[in-house]
């Protein structure tokens, strides 16, 4: 499922639209905001080796509900995790009525989401974080962040035992200015102006160092937790950005209208490549701990390489109306809903089915 290519399918139709699902957030709603080409919806992921058929199976909501009956799933991460949650709920809601709280009573299935950009304990340097909730990233952009790399965030970790599936993710926020702590003491910092500007004697650390340490802390905690032996922990790998001619705040854009050509090499941004490598390596280490302790089932949902080839699936300038954007005008980080991100649900079903 991880290796393959995007194949054009002119007959393809999205599982949902902004007219049939009320859970799509404004910055994901490319249809509402007039993205000029909807060609990005006419591609399917074709896995190598023939698994999934010529163009892959369409997501089977009925089968998904049979597998998760009487269970619940918790997503933990940032706004990209929120996008995955909303993609899943929108897809499922076309087959079964979903009340506002993402419960599907006919199937005794519940979807939950906890917004945290680092997984470990964190707070704004100038004070505690705001109340945690979905899509709060716009409220905490300003200023550096204190990140306790060896402390799992106790606002969500205890709740893990209440769920059958836990999907963890989040990496992009580690590129922000930050002060890092280990054992309650400053261990380093990142970012000249805010993170390290007033800490001349602090060790300068790269974002990927902090991201690796945080994932090690969280994955090892989940791998060894008592009470999680009937739980499946799923690590969703980093989804690359596609900014060209600049970055988020300095004129970058993503104007592609179709996937990258399979014959063309595509490179990830260096820091995102390091994030991905750290996730793969730390997952392997935690999986070994889980096996030795007869602990939780651990699975990796590797979306990095397939999403690397989809520069056409971002909102670009069409994640907001005129003058409505919050902090960024051109968005090549998040994904349109519906859009390429919907394939993540196919991979989730593949994992839940035990393959």
Protein backbone atom coordinates (compact mmCIF):
# COMPACT_ATOMS: atom_id res chain seq x y z
CA UNK A 1 0.00 0.00 0.00
CA UNK A 2 2.93 2.36 0.60
CA UNK A 3 4.67 1.85 -2.73
CA UNK A 4 2.81 2.65 -5.93
CA UNK A 5 1.77 5.49 -8.18
CA UNK A 6 -1.06 7.93 -8.73
CA UNK A 7 -3.13 6.94 -11.77
CA UNK A 8 -5.60 9.21 -13.54
CA UNK A 9 -9.21 8.04 -13.30
CA UNK A 10 -11.59 10.45 -15.06
CA UNK A 11 -14.56 8.52 -13.65
CA UNK A 12 -13.44 9.09 -10.07
CA UNK A 13 -15.83 10.90 -7.77
CA UNK A 14 -15.08 12.13 -4.24
CA UNK A 15 -16.65 10.28 -1.35
CA UNK A 16 -18.13 13.57 -0.11
CA UNK A 17 -18.20 17.28 -0.97
CA UNK A 18 -18.58 20.50 0.96
CA UNK A 19 -22.30 20.22 0.19
CA UNK A 20 -22.66 16.76 1.78
CA UNK A 21 -20.37 17.10 4.80
CA UNK A 22 -20.58 19.87 7.38
CA UNK A 23 -17.31 18.98 9.13
CA UNK A 24 -14.94 20.58 6.60
CA UNK A 25 -13.07 23.56 8.03
CA UNK A 26 -12.68 26.74 6.00
CA UNK A 27 -8.96 26.31 5.32
CA UNK A 28 -9.65 22.82 3.90
CA UNK A 29 -12.65 23.86 1.80
CA UNK A 30 -11.10 24.34 -1.64
CA UNK A 31 -14.43 23.81 -3.43
CA UNK A 32 -16.11 26.59 -1.50
CA UNK A 33 -13.28 29.01 -2.12
CA UNK A 34 -13.12 28.41 -5.85
CA UNK A 35 -10.01 26.32 -6.55
CA UNK A 36 -10.03 26.67 -10.33
CA UNK A 37 -9.09 23.10 -11.23
CA UNK A 38 -10.72 20.09 -9.57
CA UNK A 39 -8.57 17.71 -11.59
CA UNK A 40 -6.80 16.80 -8.34
CA UNK A 41 -9.87 14.69 -7.48
CA UNK A 42 -9.46 12.46 -10.55
CA UNK A 43 -6.51 10.41 -9.41
CA UNK A 44 -6.36 7.12 -7.49
CA UNK A 45 -3.51 5.49 -5.68
CA UNK A 46 -2.45 2.23 -7.36
CA UNK A 47 -0.30 0.09 -5.05
CA UNK A 48 2.59 -1.92 -6.45
CA UNK A 49 2.33 -5.68 -6.61
CA UNK A 50 -1.33 -5.82 -7.62
CA UNK A 51 -2.78 -5.46 -4.12
CA UNK A 52 -5.93 -3.40 -4.44
CA UNK A 53 -6.50 -4.05 -8.14
CA UNK A 54 -5.79 -1.88 -11.17
CA UNK A 55 -6.91 1.38 -9.57
CA UNK A 56 -7.25 0.28 -5.96
CA UNK A 57 -10.46 -0.43 -4.11
CA UNK A 58 -12.76 2.42 -3.20
CA UNK A 59 -13.08 2.83 0.53
CA UNK A 60 -15.63 0.33 1.85
CA UNK A 61 -17.49 2.10 4.67
CA UNK A 62 -19.69 -0.93 5.42
CA UNK A 63 -16.63 -3.12 5.91
CA UNK A 64 -14.97 -0.46 8.04
CA UNK A 65 -18.01 -0.28 10.32
CA UNK A 66 -18.09 -4.06 10.68
CA UNK A 67 -14.46 -4.09 11.81
CA UNK A 68 -14.81 -1.24 14.33
CA UNK A 69 -18.21 -2.05 15.78
CA UNK A 70 -18.22 -1.34 19.51
CA UNK A 71 -14.84 0.39 19.34
CA UNK A 72 -13.35 3.87 19.29
CA UNK A 73 -10.40 5.62 17.70
CA UNK A 74 -8.38 8.56 19.05
CA UNK A 75 -6.37 10.85 16.78
CA UNK A 76 -3.62 12.85 18.45
CA UNK A 77 -1.79 15.58 16.57
CA UNK A 78 -1.95 18.96 14.88
CA UNK A 79 -4.12 20.46 12.15
CA UNK A 80 -3.10 17.73 9.69
CA UNK A 81 -4.41 15.15 12.15
CA UNK A 82 -7.59 17.21 12.31
CA UNK A 83 -7.82 17.04 8.52
CA UNK A 84 -7.51 13.25 8.64
CA UNK A 85 -10.25 13.06 11.28
CA UNK A 86 -12.57 15.20 9.19
CA UNK A 87 -11.79 13.23 6.05
CA UNK A 88 -12.69 9.99 7.84
CA UNK A 89 -15.85 11.35 9.43
CA UNK A 90 -17.00 12.93 6.17
CA UNK A 91 -16.44 9.66 4.33
CA UNK A 92 -18.23 7.56 6.96
CA UNK A 93 -21.10 10.02 7.29
CA UNK A 94 -22.11 9.30 3.69
CA UNK A 95 -22.91 5.73 4.77
CA UNK A 96 -24.25 6.33 8.28
CA UNK A 97 -25.69 9.32 10.10
CA UNK A 98 -23.17 11.04 12.36
CA UNK A 99 -24.27 13.43 15.13
CA UNK A 100 -22.09 16.51 15.77
CA UNK A 101 -19.84 14.67 18.23
CA UNK A 102 -18.52 12.16 15.68
CA UNK A 103 -20.35 9.21 17.16
CA UNK A 104 -21.99 6.61 14.96
CA UNK A 105 -24.54 5.04 17.31
CA UNK A 106 -25.86 2.56 14.76
CA UNK A 107 -22.39 0.99 14.76
CA UNK A 108 -21.36 1.80 18.35
CA UNK A 109 -18.29 3.54 16.96
CA UNK A 110 -16.74 6.81 18.15
CA UNK A 111 -14.06 9.06 16.66
CA UNK A 112 -12.14 11.36 19.03
CA UNK A 113 -9.48 13.99 18.44
CA UNK A 114 -6.99 15.72 20.73
CA UNK A 115 -5.14 18.70 19.32
CA UNK A 116 -1.49 18.89 20.35
CA UNK A 117 1.32 19.95 18.01
CA UNK A 118 4.15 18.21 19.89
CA UNK A 119 2.69 15.10 21.64
CA UNK A 120 4.87 15.85 24.68
CA UNK A 121 4.30 18.52 27.36
CA UNK A 122 4.52 22.04 25.99
CA UNK A 123 3.55 25.57 26.85
CA UNK A 124 4.06 29.02 25.45
CA UNK A 125 7.12 30.67 26.95
CA UNK A 126 4.97 33.60 28.07
CA UNK A 127 2.41 31.45 29.85
CA UNK A 128 0.28 28.27 29.69
CA UNK A 129 -1.35 27.23 26.40
CA UNK A 130 -4.90 28.13 25.64
CA UNK A 131 -7.67 25.58 26.13
CA UNK A 132 -6.86 22.69 23.86
CA UNK A 133 -9.24 21.93 21.01
CA UNK A 134 -9.37 21.18 17.31
CA UNK A 135 -7.67 23.61 14.98
CA UNK A 136 -6.29 26.03 17.56
CA UNK A 137 -3.04 26.61 15.68
CA UNK A 138 -3.90 30.22 14.82
CA UNK A 139 -4.08 31.10 18.51
CA UNK A 140 -0.56 30.03 19.40
CA UNK A 141 1.56 31.16 16.46
CA UNK A 142 3.22 34.03 18.30
CA UNK A 143 6.32 33.54 20.42
CA UNK A 144 8.59 30.61 21.26
CA UNK A 145 7.43 27.42 22.94
CA UNK A 146 8.80 25.50 25.92
CA UNK A 147 8.88 21.81 24.98
CA UNK A 148 9.58 19.12 27.59
CA UNK A 149 10.98 16.39 25.38
CA UNK A 150 10.95 13.65 28.01
CA UNK A 151 7.42 14.24 29.36
CA UNK A 152 4.45 12.70 27.53
CA UNK A 153 1.58 15.18 27.48
CA UNK A 154 -0.60 14.10 30.38
CA UNK A 155 -3.58 15.92 28.93
CA UNK A 156 -4.06 13.09 26.42
CA UNK A 157 -1.90 10.10 27.39
CA UNK A 158 -4.20 8.84 30.20
CA UNK A 159 -7.15 8.97 27.79
CA UNK A 160 -5.35 6.54 25.48
CA UNK A 161 -6.54 3.60 27.59
CA UNK A 162 -10.13 4.45 26.72
CA UNK A 163 -9.65 3.76 23.00
CA UNK A 164 -9.06 0.74 20.79
CA UNK A 165 -7.01 2.60 18.17
CA UNK A 166 -4.67 5.56 18.68
CA UNK A 167 -3.29 7.44 15.68
CA UNK A 168 -0.34 9.70 16.58
CA UNK A 169 1.35 12.18 14.26
CA UNK A 170 2.56 15.83 14.20
CA UNK A 171 5.96 17.10 13.09
CA UNK A 172 5.77 20.47 11.34
CA UNK A 173 5.48 22.51 14.55
CA UNK A 174 8.96 21.44 15.60
CA UNK A 175 10.34 23.90 13.05
CA UNK A 176 9.08 26.78 15.23
CA UNK A 177 11.31 28.69 17.68
CA UNK A 178 11.50 26.71 20.91
CA UNK A 179 13.32 26.10 24.18
CA UNK A 180 13.87 22.40 24.93
CA UNK A 181 13.85 20.80 28.38
CA UNK A 182 15.04 17.45 29.71
CA UNK A 183 14.48 16.54 33.35
CA UNK A 184 13.04 20.00 33.95
CA UNK A 185 16.26 21.73 32.87
CA UNK A 186 17.02 23.65 29.69
CA UNK A 187 18.70 21.28 27.24
CA UNK A 188 18.83 23.50 24.18
CA UNK A 189 16.94 25.83 21.91
CA UNK A 190 16.05 26.53 18.31
CA UNK A 191 15.36 29.78 16.47
CA UNK A 192 17.63 32.81 16.65
CA UNK A 193 15.08 35.56 17.20
CA UNK A 194 12.70 33.96 19.69
CA UNK A 195 13.92 30.54 20.77
CA UNK A 196 17.63 31.23 21.30
CA UNK A 197 17.79 35.01 21.08
CA UNK A 198 18.08 35.56 24.85
CA UNK A 199 19.95 32.31 25.60
CA UNK A 200 23.51 32.90 24.44
CA UNK A 201 24.87 29.94 26.41
CA UNK A 202 22.20 27.41 25.44
CA UNK A 203 22.99 24.55 23.08
CA UNK A 204 21.57 25.16 19.63
CA UNK A 205 19.60 22.10 18.54
CA UNK A 206 18.05 21.32 15.18
CA UNK A 207 14.26 20.80 15.01
CA UNK A 208 14.70 17.18 13.93
CA UNK A 209 16.63 16.46 17.15
CA UNK A 210 13.68 17.64 19.21
CA UNK A 211 11.12 15.87 17.04
CA UNK A 212 13.03 12.59 17.35
CA UNK A 213 13.28 12.91 21.12
CA UNK A 214 9.57 13.70 21.44
CA UNK A 215 8.47 10.74 19.33
CA UNK A 216 10.83 8.47 21.24
CA UNK A 217 9.24 9.59 24.50
CA UNK A 218 5.66 9.12 23.33
CA UNK A 219 6.10 5.88 21.39
CA UNK A 220 8.09 4.22 24.18
CA UNK A 221 5.46 5.32 26.68
CA UNK A 222 2.64 3.82 24.62
CA UNK A 223 4.64 0.67 23.88
CA UNK A 224 5.08 -0.07 27.58
CA UNK A 225 1.83 1.19 29.10
CA UNK A 226 -0.14 -1.25 31.19
CA UNK A 227 -3.75 -1.46 30.13
CA UNK A 228 -3.08 -0.93 26.43
CA UNK A 229 -2.61 -4.56 25.41
CA UNK A 230 -5.84 -4.59 23.41
CA UNK A 231 -5.01 -1.30 21.73
CA UNK A 232 -3.44 -0.68 18.33
CA UNK A 233 -1.10 2.32 18.17
CA UNK A 234 -0.68 3.72 14.66
CA UNK A 235 2.05 6.20 13.73
CA UNK A 236 1.12 8.33 10.72
CA UNK A 237 4.29 9.65 9.10
CA UNK A 238 4.94 13.24 8.05
CA UNK A 239 3.04 14.64 5.07
CA UNK A 240 5.41 16.85 3.03
CA UNK A 241 4.76 20.47 2.13
CA UNK A 242 5.08 21.68 -1.48
CA UNK A 243 6.08 25.34 -1.37
CA UNK A 244 7.78 26.65 -4.50
CA UNK A 245 9.47 30.03 -5.03
CA UNK A 246 9.47 30.73 -1.30
CA UNK A 247 8.00 29.52 1.97
CA UNK A 248 4.85 29.90 4.03
CA UNK A 249 5.28 33.59 4.80
CA UNK A 250 7.46 34.81 1.93
CA UNK A 251 5.65 34.20 -1.32
CA UNK A 252 5.78 30.41 -1.66
CA UNK A 253 3.03 28.80 -3.71
CA UNK A 254 1.81 25.45 -5.04
CA UNK A 255 0.07 25.89 -8.38
CA UNK A 256 0.41 22.34 -9.77
CA UNK A 257 -2.79 20.84 -11.19
CA UNK A 258 -1.74 17.19 -11.23
CA UNK A 259 0.60 14.79 -9.41
CA UNK A 260 4.31 14.76 -10.06
CA UNK A 261 5.29 12.60 -13.01
CA UNK A 262 6.28 9.09 -11.81
CA UNK A 263 9.49 9.38 -13.82
CA UNK A 264 10.53 12.67 -12.23
CA UNK A 265 12.57 12.62 -9.02
CA UNK A 266 10.92 14.56 -6.20
CA UNK A 267 12.90 15.66 -3.17
CA UNK A 268 11.54 16.45 0.26
CA UNK A 269 12.64 19.53 2.14
CA UNK A 270 15.68 18.56 4.19
CA UNK A 271 14.04 19.03 7.58
CA UNK A 272 10.97 17.02 6.54
CA UNK A 273 13.25 14.22 5.33
CA UNK A 274 14.89 14.20 8.76
CA UNK A 275 11.47 14.19 10.45
CA UNK A 276 10.47 11.16 8.38
CA UNK A 277 13.71 9.30 9.10
CA UNK A 278 13.31 9.93 12.83
CA UNK A 279 9.73 8.65 12.82
CA UNK A 280 10.66 5.43 11.01
CA UNK A 281 13.62 4.72 13.28
CA UNK A 282 11.89 5.58 16.54
CA UNK A 283 8.85 3.54 15.54
CA UNK A 284 11.06 0.49 14.92
CA UNK A 285 12.66 0.87 18.35
CA UNK A 286 9.30 1.25 20.12
CA UNK A 287 7.83 -1.70 18.23
CA UNK A 288 10.68 -3.82 19.56
CA UNK A 289 9.87 -2.71 23.10
CA UNK A 290 6.22 -3.60 22.60
CA UNK A 291 7.11 -7.10 21.35
CA UNK A 292 9.47 -7.77 24.25
CA UNK A 293 6.86 -6.66 26.76
CA UNK A 294 4.00 -8.39 24.95
CA UNK A 295 2.49 -4.95 24.83
CA UNK A 296 0.36 -3.02 22.38
CA UNK A 297 0.11 -3.70 18.67
CA UNK A 298 2.04 -1.04 16.81
CA UNK A 299 1.59 -0.23 13.14
CA UNK A 300 3.02 2.44 10.85
CA UNK A 301 0.85 4.34 8.38
CA UNK A 302 3.48 5.54 5.95
CA UNK A 303 1.94 8.30 3.82
CA UNK A 304 5.11 10.31 3.15
CA UNK A 305 6.18 9.07 -0.27
CA UNK A 306 2.68 8.93 -1.74
CA UNK A 307 1.87 12.46 -0.57
CA UNK A 308 5.23 13.78 -1.75
CA UNK A 309 3.95 13.31 -5.29
CA UNK A 310 0.75 15.35 -4.76
CA UNK A 311 1.67 19.05 -4.96
CA UNK A 312 -1.73 19.62 -6.58
CA UNK A 313 -3.75 18.68 -3.50
CA UNK A 314 -3.11 21.77 -1.33
CA UNK A 315 -5.42 24.80 -1.01
CA UNK A 316 -2.76 27.20 -2.33
CA UNK A 317 -4.74 30.49 -2.50
CA UNK A 318 -8.11 28.78 -2.10
CA UNK A 319 -8.26 27.95 1.60
CA UNK A 320 -10.07 31.19 2.47
CA UNK A 321 -12.16 33.98 1.07
CA UNK A 322 -10.81 37.40 0.19
CA UNK A 323 -9.23 38.98 3.28
CA UNK A 324 -10.19 36.05 5.53
CA UNK A 325 -6.89 34.24 5.97
CA UNK A 326 -5.44 33.77 9.48
CA UNK A 327 -1.66 34.15 9.45
CA UNK A 328 -1.06 32.80 5.95
CA UNK A 329 -2.45 33.61 2.55
CA UNK A 330 -1.04 30.75 0.50
CA UNK A 331 -1.32 27.29 2.03
CA UNK A 332 0.84 24.46 0.68
CA UNK A 333 0.92 22.60 4.01
CA UNK A 334 -2.70 21.54 4.58
CA UNK A 335 -4.78 19.50 2.14
CA UNK A 336 -8.06 20.12 0.35
CA UNK A 337 -11.09 18.17 1.56
CA UNK A 338 -12.08 16.20 -0.38
CA UNK A 339 -8.68 15.47 -1.87
CA UNK A 340 -5.62 13.20 -1.90
CA UNK A 341 -5.69 12.96 1.89
CA UNK A 342 -8.77 10.72 1.61
CA UNK A 343 -6.46 7.85 0.64
CA UNK A 344 -5.28 7.82 4.25
CA UNK A 345 -8.60 6.21 5.14
CA UNK A 346 -7.83 3.34 2.75
CA UNK A 347 -4.54 2.80 4.56
CA UNK A 348 -6.28 3.01 7.94
CA UNK A 349 -8.79 0.36 6.87
CA UNK A 350 -5.91 -1.79 5.59
CA UNK A 351 -4.28 -1.63 9.04
CA UNK A 352 -7.47 -2.21 11.03
CA UNK A 353 -8.23 -5.24 8.88
CA UNK A 354 -5.00 -6.71 10.18
CA UNK A 355 -2.90 -6.70 7.00
